[in-house]
Amino acid sequence: MDYTRLGTSGLKVSRLTLGCMTFSDPTPMADWSLGEEGSAPLFRQAVDLGITFWDTANVYGAGTSEEIVGRAMREYSSREETVLATKIYWPMHQGPGGGGLSRKAVLEQVDASLTRLGTDYVDLMQIHRFDPDVPVEETMEALHDVVKAGKVRYLGASSMWAWQFAKMQTAAQINGWTPFVSMQDQYNLLQREEEREMHGLLRDQGIGNMVWSPLGGGVVARAWGDKSTKRAASYPTQDQFGCPLFLDSDKAIVDAVERIAVDRGVSMATIGLAWVLKNPVVDSPIIGATKAKHLTDAAAALEITLSDDEIAALEGPYTPASRPSSEHRGEGCPSWVAALTDPERPDSTHGHDAAVGVDDRSPRSRYPVRLTRPRPVSATSVRAAHAAKTPLYPQLVAPTAMSPPEAIAPTRRVLAYKPDARPGRATTRWNSVRPTPATTAKNQAFSTCSRSRTTGPVAKATAA
């Protein structure tokens, strides 16, 4: 096993992460989970392979994953030899502290995770998603407090837009709080949208990158059309949350993976992971194993160096996503995404307080952008928007592809790019500046949607 630092932090992790979502009691939404007895051989194998980085979440198996992981850590490894990561955000109960990223929820759910894991601290506490209903200052201060209390060593985030991540980091930097050291997002041969903005931000800021679904839900790991696995047979065209898993045009990519795997005499999974690992931004892809072969194939990817011709064959057929991507929705794809693809869905407004903007001028004309709703949207208007192929709100349009990062501007502060004056640094970094009437007007002109919680405009990052 190879080891690396998580970004520029001092945290040393294995180059593969053991994904523990499958190590939980089966639920109706995850009937492929293994339970404690079925998970035991994989924990032992991971320890034998030197995989010391284990990632779980409070919501996995309704808390049973954390319980199983904690017991496995004590039985097959030790607390000192394991880098333990978990996540909070998704609701665990209906009370005010059951989910989200309010101060009450953060403090309550961190303690609950520690209890289930059977430890007094975790190495990496991650927010599972961005919470648009809570001020980022409240969230970041609460996370800082659990670090200072000794319950958490490092902080990380997962699956959000680059401007949201930059906004949270800036809040921590301005106030002297603990910043994030990692981002966990979806990245694979079939979903490369993170290359647009997030990867550049992570590289510039020295943030570590953990990748979930590095094999595209297993589509990259088997021949096109193969439905031999339980998950593939049950959800042939979309994942279990209704988000499209792949496009017909992805067949050329999967075929290229298969050809290269045959030529090299290795599995398709090994080739798919080798491609992910070649990206210098990626520190540790997460391996969601249900069979011993999955970990063996993943470890083999560390020994593979793809040639330029092989890389070109794998990357050439990629089509920028023109589908409601699960990239930023992940395990909890909200129903409003499905609402725009299923006009008959009755609960189209259930779930997150977000809307979808569509910009037909963009190469990604059907790519949804998460925007805060300025007012409620009815199921009727969602269906009408779908039928007309127009945004729910005409004033909300998606940024064009490859646009510069955006940041939501507080009412008394805007975020702007300023040259980094440190010696040998030609890059830029986020800085906080006070707005002037001129910059405020300019930001208003570039605004693309209403600010979260209706306290100000969304401003494009402008030169100071």
Protein backbone atom coordinates (compact mmCIF):
# COMPACT_ATOMS: atom_id res chain seq x y z
CA MET A 1 0.00 0.00 0.00
CA ASP A 2 1.11 3.52 -0.79
CA TYR A 3 0.51 6.40 1.62
CA THR A 4 0.17 10.13 1.17
CA ARG A 5 -0.77 13.31 2.99
CA LEU A 6 -4.36 14.48 2.71
CA GLY A 7 -3.78 17.64 0.70
CA THR A 8 -1.22 19.83 2.40
CA SER A 9 -2.37 18.79 5.86
CA GLY A 10 -0.24 16.62 8.10
CA LEU A 11 -2.74 13.75 8.06
CA LYS A 12 -1.16 10.63 6.55
CA VAL A 13 -3.63 8.32 4.79
CA SER A 14 -3.53 5.23 2.62
CA ARG A 15 -3.91 5.79 -1.13
CA LEU A 16 -7.11 3.75 -1.00
CA THR A 17 -9.99 4.44 1.37
CA LEU A 18 -12.22 1.68 2.68
CA GLY A 19 -15.77 2.81 1.99
CA CYS A 20 -18.00 1.52 4.76
CA MET A 21 -21.46 2.28 3.37
CA THR A 22 -21.92 -1.40 2.54
CA PHE A 23 -20.88 -2.42 6.04
CA SER A 24 -24.25 -1.81 7.65
CA ASP A 25 -27.53 -3.54 8.27
CA PRO A 26 -29.57 -3.84 5.04
CA THR A 27 -32.32 -1.28 4.53
CA PRO A 28 -35.00 -0.99 1.83
CA MET A 29 -32.84 1.61 0.08
CA ALA A 30 -29.63 -0.41 0.47
CA ASP A 31 -30.57 -4.07 0.40
CA TRP A 32 -27.07 -4.84 -0.92
CA SER A 33 -25.52 -3.99 2.45
CA LEU A 34 -23.60 -6.87 3.99
CA GLY A 35 -24.32 -6.64 7.68
CA GLU A 36 -21.69 -7.24 10.36
CA GLU A 37 -21.01 -10.91 9.62
CA GLY A 38 -20.65 -10.36 5.88
CA SER A 39 -18.39 -7.36 6.41
CA ALA A 40 -15.85 -9.09 8.66
CA PRO A 41 -13.74 -10.74 5.90
CA LEU A 42 -13.44 -7.43 4.06
CA PHE A 43 -12.26 -5.59 7.16
CA ARG A 44 -9.60 -8.25 7.69
CA GLN A 45 -8.53 -8.04 4.04
CA ALA A 46 -8.34 -4.25 4.17
CA VAL A 47 -6.06 -4.43 7.21
CA ASP A 48 -3.86 -7.02 5.47
CA LEU A 49 -3.59 -4.74 2.42
CA GLY A 50 -2.57 -1.79 4.58
CA ILE A 51 -5.76 0.25 3.99
CA THR A 52 -5.77 2.41 7.10
CA PHE A 53 -8.23 5.10 5.94
CA TRP A 54 -11.85 4.10 6.72
CA ASP A 55 -14.80 6.28 5.74
CA THR A 56 -18.37 5.98 7.02
CA ALA A 57 -21.30 8.31 7.83
CA ASN A 58 -23.93 8.59 10.51
CA VAL A 59 -26.71 8.03 7.99
CA TYR A 60 -25.31 4.78 6.55
CA GLY A 61 -27.58 1.99 7.69
CA ALA A 62 -29.31 4.46 10.03
CA GLY A 63 -26.23 4.46 12.26
CA THR A 64 -25.43 0.74 12.07
CA SER A 65 -22.42 1.33 9.81
CA GLU A 66 -20.69 3.42 12.48
CA GLU A 67 -21.41 0.75 15.08
CA ILE A 68 -20.00 -2.03 12.87
CA VAL A 69 -16.96 0.05 11.88
CA GLY A 70 -16.16 0.85 15.49
CA ARG A 71 -16.27 -2.80 16.54
CA ALA A 72 -14.25 -3.89 13.49
CA MET A 73 -11.59 -1.28 14.19
CA ARG A 74 -11.10 -2.60 17.71
CA GLU A 75 -11.16 -6.26 16.63
CA TYR A 76 -9.03 -6.23 13.46
CA SER A 77 -6.90 -3.12 13.89
CA SER A 78 -6.58 -0.47 16.58
CA ARG A 79 -7.60 3.13 17.12
CA GLU A 80 -4.01 4.29 16.77
CA GLU A 81 -3.49 2.51 13.42
CA THR A 82 -6.76 3.64 11.82
CA VAL A 83 -7.59 6.99 10.25
CA LEU A 84 -11.30 7.16 10.96
CA ALA A 85 -13.61 9.43 8.96
CA THR A 86 -17.34 9.93 9.24
CA LYS A 87 -19.92 12.45 8.05
CA ILE A 88 -22.92 14.39 9.34
CA TYR A 89 -25.77 16.28 7.65
CA TRP A 90 -28.56 13.93 6.55
CA PRO A 91 -31.42 13.61 9.06
CA MET A 92 -31.13 10.95 11.75
CA HIS A 93 -34.40 11.90 13.43
CA GLN A 94 -37.09 14.56 13.08
CA GLY A 95 -35.96 16.74 15.96
CA PRO A 96 -34.25 20.12 15.44
CA GLY A 97 -30.83 18.56 16.02
CA GLY A 98 -31.49 15.49 13.90
CA GLY A 99 -29.95 16.77 10.68
CA GLY A 100 -28.53 19.74 8.84
CA LEU A 101 -25.60 21.86 9.94
CA SER A 102 -26.99 24.12 12.64
CA ARG A 103 -24.93 24.45 15.79
CA LYS A 104 -27.40 22.25 17.65
CA ALA A 105 -27.24 19.56 14.96
CA VAL A 106 -23.45 19.60 14.66
CA LEU A 107 -22.86 19.23 18.39
CA GLU A 108 -25.57 16.59 18.81
CA GLN A 109 -24.62 14.47 15.80
CA VAL A 110 -20.88 14.55 16.48
CA ASP A 111 -21.52 13.19 19.96
CA ALA A 112 -23.91 10.56 18.59
CA SER A 113 -21.34 9.40 16.03
CA LEU A 114 -18.65 9.10 18.70
CA THR A 115 -20.99 6.99 20.81
CA ARG A 116 -21.78 4.62 17.93
CA LEU A 117 -18.14 4.35 16.90
CA GLY A 118 -17.06 3.70 20.47
CA THR A 119 -14.26 6.25 20.41
CA ASP A 120 -13.65 9.65 21.95
CA TYR A 121 -12.49 11.28 18.72
CA VAL A 122 -12.57 10.92 14.94
CA ASP A 123 -9.70 11.85 12.67
CA LEU A 124 -11.82 13.44 9.94
CA MET A 125 -15.32 14.82 10.47
CA GLN A 126 -16.98 15.75 7.18
CA ILE A 127 -20.14 17.65 6.37
CA HIS A 128 -22.05 15.41 3.99
CA ARG A 129 -23.54 18.33 2.05
CA PHE A 130 -23.87 22.13 2.08
CA ASP A 131 -26.78 23.39 4.17
CA PRO A 132 -28.42 26.41 2.50
CA ASP A 133 -30.67 27.03 5.51
CA VAL A 134 -27.88 27.74 8.01
CA PRO A 135 -25.38 30.62 7.93
CA VAL A 136 -21.94 29.27 7.09
CA GLU A 137 -20.50 31.14 10.06
CA GLU A 138 -22.71 29.16 12.44
CA THR A 139 -21.65 25.86 10.89
CA MET A 140 -17.93 26.62 10.75
CA GLU A 141 -17.80 27.93 14.32
CA ALA A 142 -19.60 24.82 15.60
CA LEU A 143 -17.19 22.57 13.69
CA HIS A 144 -14.25 24.58 15.07
CA ASP A 145 -15.58 24.08 18.59
CA VAL A 146 -15.70 20.28 18.28
CA VAL A 147 -12.11 20.36 17.05
CA LYS A 148 -11.01 22.47 20.01
CA ALA A 149 -12.95 20.15 22.32
CA GLY A 150 -10.73 17.29 21.15
CA LYS A 151 -13.57 15.33 19.56
CA VAL A 152 -12.34 15.87 15.98
CA ARG A 153 -8.83 16.15 14.57
CA TYR A 154 -9.53 17.46 11.03
CA LEU A 155 -12.53 18.76 9.07
CA GLY A 156 -13.69 17.86 5.57
CA ALA A 157 -16.62 18.48 3.22
CA SER A 158 -18.44 16.49 0.56
CA SER A 159 -20.26 17.08 -2.72
CA MET A 160 -21.10 20.73 -3.13
CA TRP A 161 -20.50 23.46 -5.68
CA ALA A 162 -17.06 25.05 -5.68
CA TRP A 163 -18.42 28.47 -4.68
CA GLN A 164 -20.15 26.94 -1.66
CA PHE A 165 -16.93 25.28 -0.55
CA ALA A 166 -14.98 28.52 -1.07
CA LYS A 167 -17.58 30.44 0.92
CA MET A 168 -17.27 28.10 3.90
CA GLN A 169 -13.47 28.10 3.76
CA THR A 170 -13.41 31.88 3.66
CA ALA A 171 -15.69 32.12 6.70
CA ALA A 172 -13.23 29.94 8.62
CA GLN A 173 -10.20 31.92 7.47
CA ILE A 174 -11.73 35.31 8.28
CA ASN A 175 -12.70 34.29 11.79
CA GLY A 176 -9.67 32.19 12.68
CA TRP A 177 -11.63 28.91 12.77
CA THR A 178 -10.48 25.47 11.67
CA PRO A 179 -10.76 25.14 7.85
CA PHE A 180 -11.51 22.05 5.81
CA VAL A 181 -8.57 19.89 4.74
CA SER A 182 -10.48 17.65 2.32
CA MET A 183 -13.28 17.42 -0.22
CA GLN A 184 -15.10 14.16 -0.93
CA ASP A 185 -16.79 14.26 -4.33
CA GLN A 186 -17.85 12.06 -7.21
CA TYR A 187 -15.25 11.54 -9.92
CA ASN A 188 -14.86 8.77 -12.46
CA LEU A 189 -14.52 8.20 -16.19
CA LEU A 190 -18.26 8.74 -16.66
CA GLN A 191 -18.54 11.79 -14.39
CA ARG A 192 -15.74 14.32 -14.81
CA GLU A 193 -17.60 17.56 -14.12
CA GLU A 194 -15.46 18.25 -11.04
CA GLU A 195 -12.60 19.05 -13.42
CA ARG A 196 -14.38 22.28 -14.35
CA GLU A 197 -13.99 24.23 -11.11
CA MET A 198 -13.64 22.09 -7.99
CA HIS A 199 -10.35 20.44 -8.94
CA GLY A 200 -8.76 23.80 -9.71
CA LEU A 201 -9.88 25.16 -6.36
CA LEU A 202 -8.58 22.11 -4.49
CA ARG A 203 -5.22 22.27 -6.26
CA ASP A 204 -4.81 25.99 -5.59
CA GLN A 205 -5.76 25.75 -1.92
CA GLY A 206 -3.92 22.51 -1.15
CA ILE A 207 -7.12 20.67 -0.20
CA GLY A 208 -7.09 16.88 -0.16
CA ASN A 209 -9.45 14.96 -2.44
CA MET A 210 -11.30 11.77 -1.59
CA VAL A 211 -13.34 10.34 -4.47
CA TRP A 212 -16.60 8.50 -4.04
CA SER A 213 -18.00 6.25 -6.78
CA PRO A 214 -14.65 6.06 -8.63
CA LEU A 215 -16.12 3.33 -10.87
CA GLY A 216 -19.41 5.03 -11.66
CA GLY A 217 -21.57 2.75 -9.57
CA GLY A 218 -19.80 -0.26 -11.08
CA VAL A 219 -20.63 0.63 -14.69
CA VAL A 220 -16.94 1.15 -15.48
CA ALA A 221 -16.07 -2.20 -13.90
CA ARG A 222 -18.08 -4.47 -16.21
CA ALA A 223 -18.88 -4.82 -19.90
CA TRP A 224 -21.50 -2.47 -21.25
CA GLY A 225 -24.97 -3.89 -20.67
CA ASP A 226 -23.80 -6.45 -18.10
CA LYS A 227 -26.49 -6.69 -15.43
CA SER A 228 -25.12 -9.63 -13.51
CA THR A 229 -24.77 -7.80 -10.20
CA LYS A 230 -27.70 -7.27 -7.87
CA ARG A 231 -27.45 -3.49 -8.05
CA ALA A 232 -27.12 -3.38 -11.83
CA ALA A 233 -30.06 -5.74 -12.30
CA SER A 234 -32.27 -3.65 -10.02
CA TYR A 235 -31.28 -0.21 -11.35
CA PRO A 236 -30.11 -0.62 -14.95
CA THR A 237 -30.22 3.05 -16.00
CA GLN A 238 -30.30 5.04 -12.77
CA ASP A 239 -29.12 4.77 -9.22
CA GLN A 240 -31.37 3.96 -6.30
CA PHE A 241 -32.22 7.64 -5.82
CA GLY A 242 -33.46 8.32 -9.33
CA CYS A 243 -30.39 10.10 -10.67
CA PRO A 244 -29.24 9.01 -14.15
CA LEU A 245 -26.17 6.85 -13.76
CA PHE A 246 -24.85 6.95 -17.31
CA LEU A 247 -25.63 7.98 -20.89
CA ASP A 248 -25.72 5.88 -24.03
CA SER A 249 -22.68 7.81 -25.23
CA ASP A 250 -20.72 6.40 -22.28
CA LYS A 251 -20.60 3.02 -24.00
CA ALA A 252 -17.49 4.07 -25.93
CA ILE A 253 -15.69 4.81 -22.65
CA VAL A 254 -16.63 1.49 -21.08
CA ASP A 255 -15.61 -0.33 -24.27
CA ALA A 256 -12.20 1.39 -24.12
CA VAL A 257 -11.78 0.31 -20.49
CA GLU A 258 -12.57 -3.26 -21.48
CA ARG A 259 -10.08 -3.26 -24.38
CA ILE A 260 -7.26 -1.90 -22.24
CA ALA A 261 -8.04 -4.33 -19.42
CA VAL A 262 -7.91 -7.29 -21.83
CA ASP A 263 -4.64 -6.09 -23.34
CA ARG A 264 -3.04 -5.70 -19.90
CA GLY A 265 -4.55 -8.84 -18.42
CA VAL A 266 -6.18 -7.03 -15.49
CA SER A 267 -9.75 -6.29 -14.46
CA MET A 268 -11.77 -3.38 -15.80
CA ALA A 269 -12.03 -2.06 -12.24
CA THR A 270 -8.24 -1.86 -12.03
CA ILE A 271 -8.06 0.24 -15.20
CA GLY A 272 -10.89 2.52 -14.09
CA LEU A 273 -9.22 3.15 -10.74
CA ALA A 274 -5.79 3.60 -12.32
CA TRP A 275 -7.26 6.44 -14.38
CA VAL A 276 -8.70 8.10 -11.25
CA LEU A 277 -5.43 7.70 -9.34
CA LYS A 278 -3.39 9.33 -12.10
CA ASN A 279 -5.04 12.68 -11.36
CA PRO A 280 -2.63 14.57 -9.08
CA VAL A 281 -5.56 16.20 -7.25
CA VAL A 282 -6.87 12.82 -6.07
CA ASP A 283 -5.39 11.57 -2.80
CA SER A 284 -7.52 8.53 -1.99
CA PRO A 285 -10.48 7.08 -3.91
CA ILE A 286 -13.09 5.35 -1.79
CA ILE A 287 -13.55 1.64 -2.49
CA GLY A 288 -17.05 0.37 -1.73
CA ALA A 289 -16.27 -3.34 -1.59
CA THR A 290 -18.79 -6.14 -1.29
CA LYS A 291 -16.41 -8.89 -2.44
CA ALA A 292 -12.75 -9.68 -1.79
CA LYS A 293 -12.03 -9.20 -5.49
CA HIS A 294 -13.02 -5.55 -5.25
CA LEU A 295 -10.21 -4.75 -2.82
CA THR A 296 -7.71 -6.89 -4.70
CA ASP A 297 -8.48 -5.13 -7.98
CA ALA A 298 -8.27 -1.73 -6.29
CA ALA A 299 -4.85 -2.47 -4.82
CA ALA A 300 -3.64 -3.63 -8.25
CA ALA A 301 -4.48 -0.20 -9.67
CA LEU A 302 -1.65 1.31 -7.62
CA GLU A 303 0.80 -0.62 -9.81
CA ILE A 304 -0.68 0.54 -13.14
CA THR A 305 0.68 3.49 -15.11
CA LEU A 306 -1.46 4.23 -18.11
CA SER A 307 0.19 5.28 -21.36
CA ASP A 308 -0.68 8.50 -23.17
CA ASP A 309 -2.50 6.53 -25.86
CA GLU A 310 -4.52 4.64 -23.27
CA ILE A 311 -5.46 7.85 -21.50
CA ALA A 312 -6.54 9.42 -24.79
CA ALA A 313 -8.70 6.37 -25.58
CA LEU A 314 -10.37 6.59 -22.17
CA GLU A 315 -10.93 10.34 -22.11
CA GLY A 316 -11.69 11.04 -25.75
CA PRO A 317 -15.31 9.80 -25.89
CA TYR A 318 -16.43 11.72 -22.80
CA THR A 319 -19.43 13.96 -23.34
CA PRO A 320 -20.00 16.80 -20.85
CA ALA A 321 -22.94 15.79 -18.70
CA SER A 322 -26.29 16.83 -20.13
CA ARG A 323 -28.26 15.07 -17.40
CA PRO A 324 -29.31 15.85 -13.83
CA SER A 325 -25.99 14.80 -12.33
CA SER A 326 -25.83 13.00 -9.01
CA GLU A 327 -22.39 14.59 -8.64
CA HIS A 328 -23.61 17.11 -6.07
CA ARG A 329 -26.64 15.16 -4.90
CA GLY A 330 -24.96 11.85 -4.18
CA GLU A 331 -26.59 9.33 -1.93
CA GLY A 332 -29.52 11.63 -1.26
CA CYS A 333 -30.54 12.85 -4.69
CA PRO A 334 -33.43 15.19 -3.82
CA SER A 335 -36.80 14.65 -5.37
CA TRP A 336 -36.71 18.02 -7.12
CA VAL A 337 -34.14 16.54 -9.53
CA ALA A 338 -36.48 13.70 -10.36
CA ALA A 339 -39.34 16.19 -10.66
CA LEU A 340 -37.84 17.73 -13.79
CA THR A 341 -37.36 14.32 -15.38
CA ASP A 342 -40.72 12.93 -14.28
CA PRO A 343 -43.52 15.49 -14.78
CA GLU A 344 -46.03 13.12 -13.19
CA ARG A 345 -44.17 12.89 -9.91
CA PRO A 346 -46.66 14.07 -7.22
CA ASP A 347 -44.10 15.00 -4.54
CA SER A 348 -42.01 17.19 -6.78
CA THR A 349 -41.54 19.89 -4.15
CA HIS A 350 -40.61 17.55 -1.32
CA GLY A 351 -37.03 17.69 -0.07
CA HIS A 352 -34.43 20.38 -0.47
CA ASP A 353 -35.22 24.05 -0.87
CA ALA A 354 -33.68 24.33 -4.31
CA ALA A 355 -34.60 24.93 -7.93
CA VAL A 356 -33.08 24.05 -11.27
CA GLY A 357 -31.85 26.62 -13.76
CA VAL A 358 -31.42 25.79 -17.43
CA ASP A 359 -29.28 27.78 -19.83
CA ASP A 360 -29.77 26.72 -23.44
CA ARG A 361 -26.79 28.84 -24.47
CA SER A 362 -24.43 26.62 -22.54
CA PRO A 363 -22.83 23.44 -23.96
CA ARG A 364 -24.40 21.83 -20.92
CA SER A 365 -27.88 23.05 -21.78
CA ARG A 366 -29.73 20.54 -19.62
CA TYR A 367 -27.33 20.55 -16.68
CA PRO A 368 -29.14 21.53 -13.46
CA VAL A 369 -27.70 24.13 -11.15
CA ARG A 370 -28.76 24.22 -7.54
CA LEU A 371 -30.23 27.60 -6.68
CA THR A 372 -32.06 28.77 -3.59
CA ARG A 373 -35.77 29.28 -4.18
CA PRO A 374 -36.98 32.82 -3.54
CA ARG A 375 -40.52 31.48 -3.07
CA PRO A 376 -42.33 28.12 -2.94
CA VAL A 377 -42.81 26.17 -6.15
CA SER A 378 -45.85 24.01 -6.72
CA ALA A 379 -45.87 20.62 -8.37
CA THR A 380 -47.95 22.14 -11.15
CA SER A 381 -45.32 24.74 -11.98
CA VAL A 382 -42.60 22.10 -11.91
CA ARG A 383 -44.50 20.01 -14.44
CA ALA A 384 -45.16 23.08 -16.56
CA ALA A 385 -41.49 24.02 -16.52
CA HIS A 386 -40.57 20.51 -17.55
CA ALA A 387 -43.08 20.49 -20.42
CA ALA A 388 -41.87 23.84 -21.71
CA LYS A 389 -38.21 23.00 -21.04
CA THR A 390 -37.75 26.34 -19.29
CA PRO A 391 -36.43 27.31 -15.86
CA LEU A 392 -38.83 27.42 -12.93
CA TYR A 393 -37.85 31.08 -12.60
CA PRO A 394 -36.92 32.99 -15.78
CA GLN A 395 -34.52 35.19 -13.81
CA LEU A 396 -32.54 32.15 -12.64
CA VAL A 397 -30.16 30.95 -15.31
CA ALA A 398 -27.25 28.59 -14.98
CA PRO A 399 -23.71 29.90 -15.40
CA THR A 400 -22.17 28.99 -18.71
CA ALA A 401 -19.74 26.09 -18.80
CA MET A 402 -16.25 26.80 -17.46
CA SER A 403 -17.35 30.08 -15.87
CA PRO A 404 -15.13 31.47 -13.07
CA PRO A 405 -15.98 30.43 -9.50
CA GLU A 406 -18.88 32.23 -7.88
CA ALA A 407 -19.43 33.09 -4.26
CA ILE A 408 -22.46 34.24 -2.39
CA ALA A 409 -21.74 37.70 -1.00
CA PRO A 410 -22.79 38.59 2.54
CA THR A 411 -24.60 41.90 2.82
CA ARG A 412 -21.50 43.64 4.17
CA ARG A 413 -18.73 41.71 2.48
CA VAL A 414 -17.95 40.29 -0.96
CA LEU A 415 -15.46 37.64 -1.98
CA ALA A 416 -12.97 38.53 -4.65
CA TYR A 417 -9.82 37.17 -6.20
CA LYS A 418 -6.62 39.02 -5.27
CA PRO A 419 -3.09 38.17 -6.43
CA ASP A 420 -1.20 36.03 -3.95
CA ALA A 421 1.86 38.08 -3.06
CA ARG A 422 3.77 35.28 -1.34
CA PRO A 423 7.17 34.57 -2.93
CA GLY A 424 7.03 31.97 -5.67
CA ARG A 425 3.23 31.96 -5.74
CA ALA A 426 1.79 33.00 -9.08
CA THR A 427 -1.67 31.67 -8.27
CA THR A 428 -4.58 33.44 -6.63
CA ARG A 429 -6.42 32.79 -3.42
CA TRP A 430 -9.71 33.85 -1.84
CA ASN A 431 -9.59 37.10 0.07
CA SER A 432 -12.26 39.09 1.82
CA VAL A 433 -12.69 42.73 0.78
CA ARG A 434 -15.18 45.40 1.65
CA PRO A 435 -17.46 46.34 -1.26
CA THR A 436 -17.53 49.79 -2.79
CA PRO A 437 -20.55 51.23 -4.59
CA ALA A 438 -18.81 50.53 -7.91
CA THR A 439 -18.04 46.90 -7.15
CA THR A 440 -21.50 46.39 -5.68
CA ALA A 441 -23.10 47.66 -8.88
CA LYS A 442 -20.81 45.48 -10.95
CA ASN A 443 -21.67 42.45 -8.84
CA GLN A 444 -25.36 43.21 -9.25
CA ALA A 445 -24.90 43.25 -13.03
CA PHE A 446 -23.20 39.85 -12.97
CA SER A 447 -25.70 38.36 -10.52
CA THR A 448 -27.25 35.09 -11.67
CA CYS A 449 -29.62 34.25 -8.83
CA SER A 450 -30.97 35.41 -5.48
CA ARG A 451 -28.76 35.07 -2.44
CA SER A 452 -29.33 32.30 0.06
CA ARG A 453 -31.92 33.30 2.67
CA THR A 454 -32.70 36.45 0.61
CA THR A 455 -30.09 38.64 2.34
CA GLY A 456 -28.19 39.81 -0.70
CA PRO A 457 -27.20 39.09 -4.30
CA VAL A 458 -25.01 36.35 -5.67
CA ALA A 459 -21.86 38.03 -6.92
CA LYS A 460 -19.36 36.74 -9.42
CA ALA A 461 -15.78 36.80 -8.17
CA THR A 462 -14.32 40.00 -9.60
CA ALA A 463 -10.83 41.39 -9.78
CA ALA A 464 -10.07 43.63 -6.83
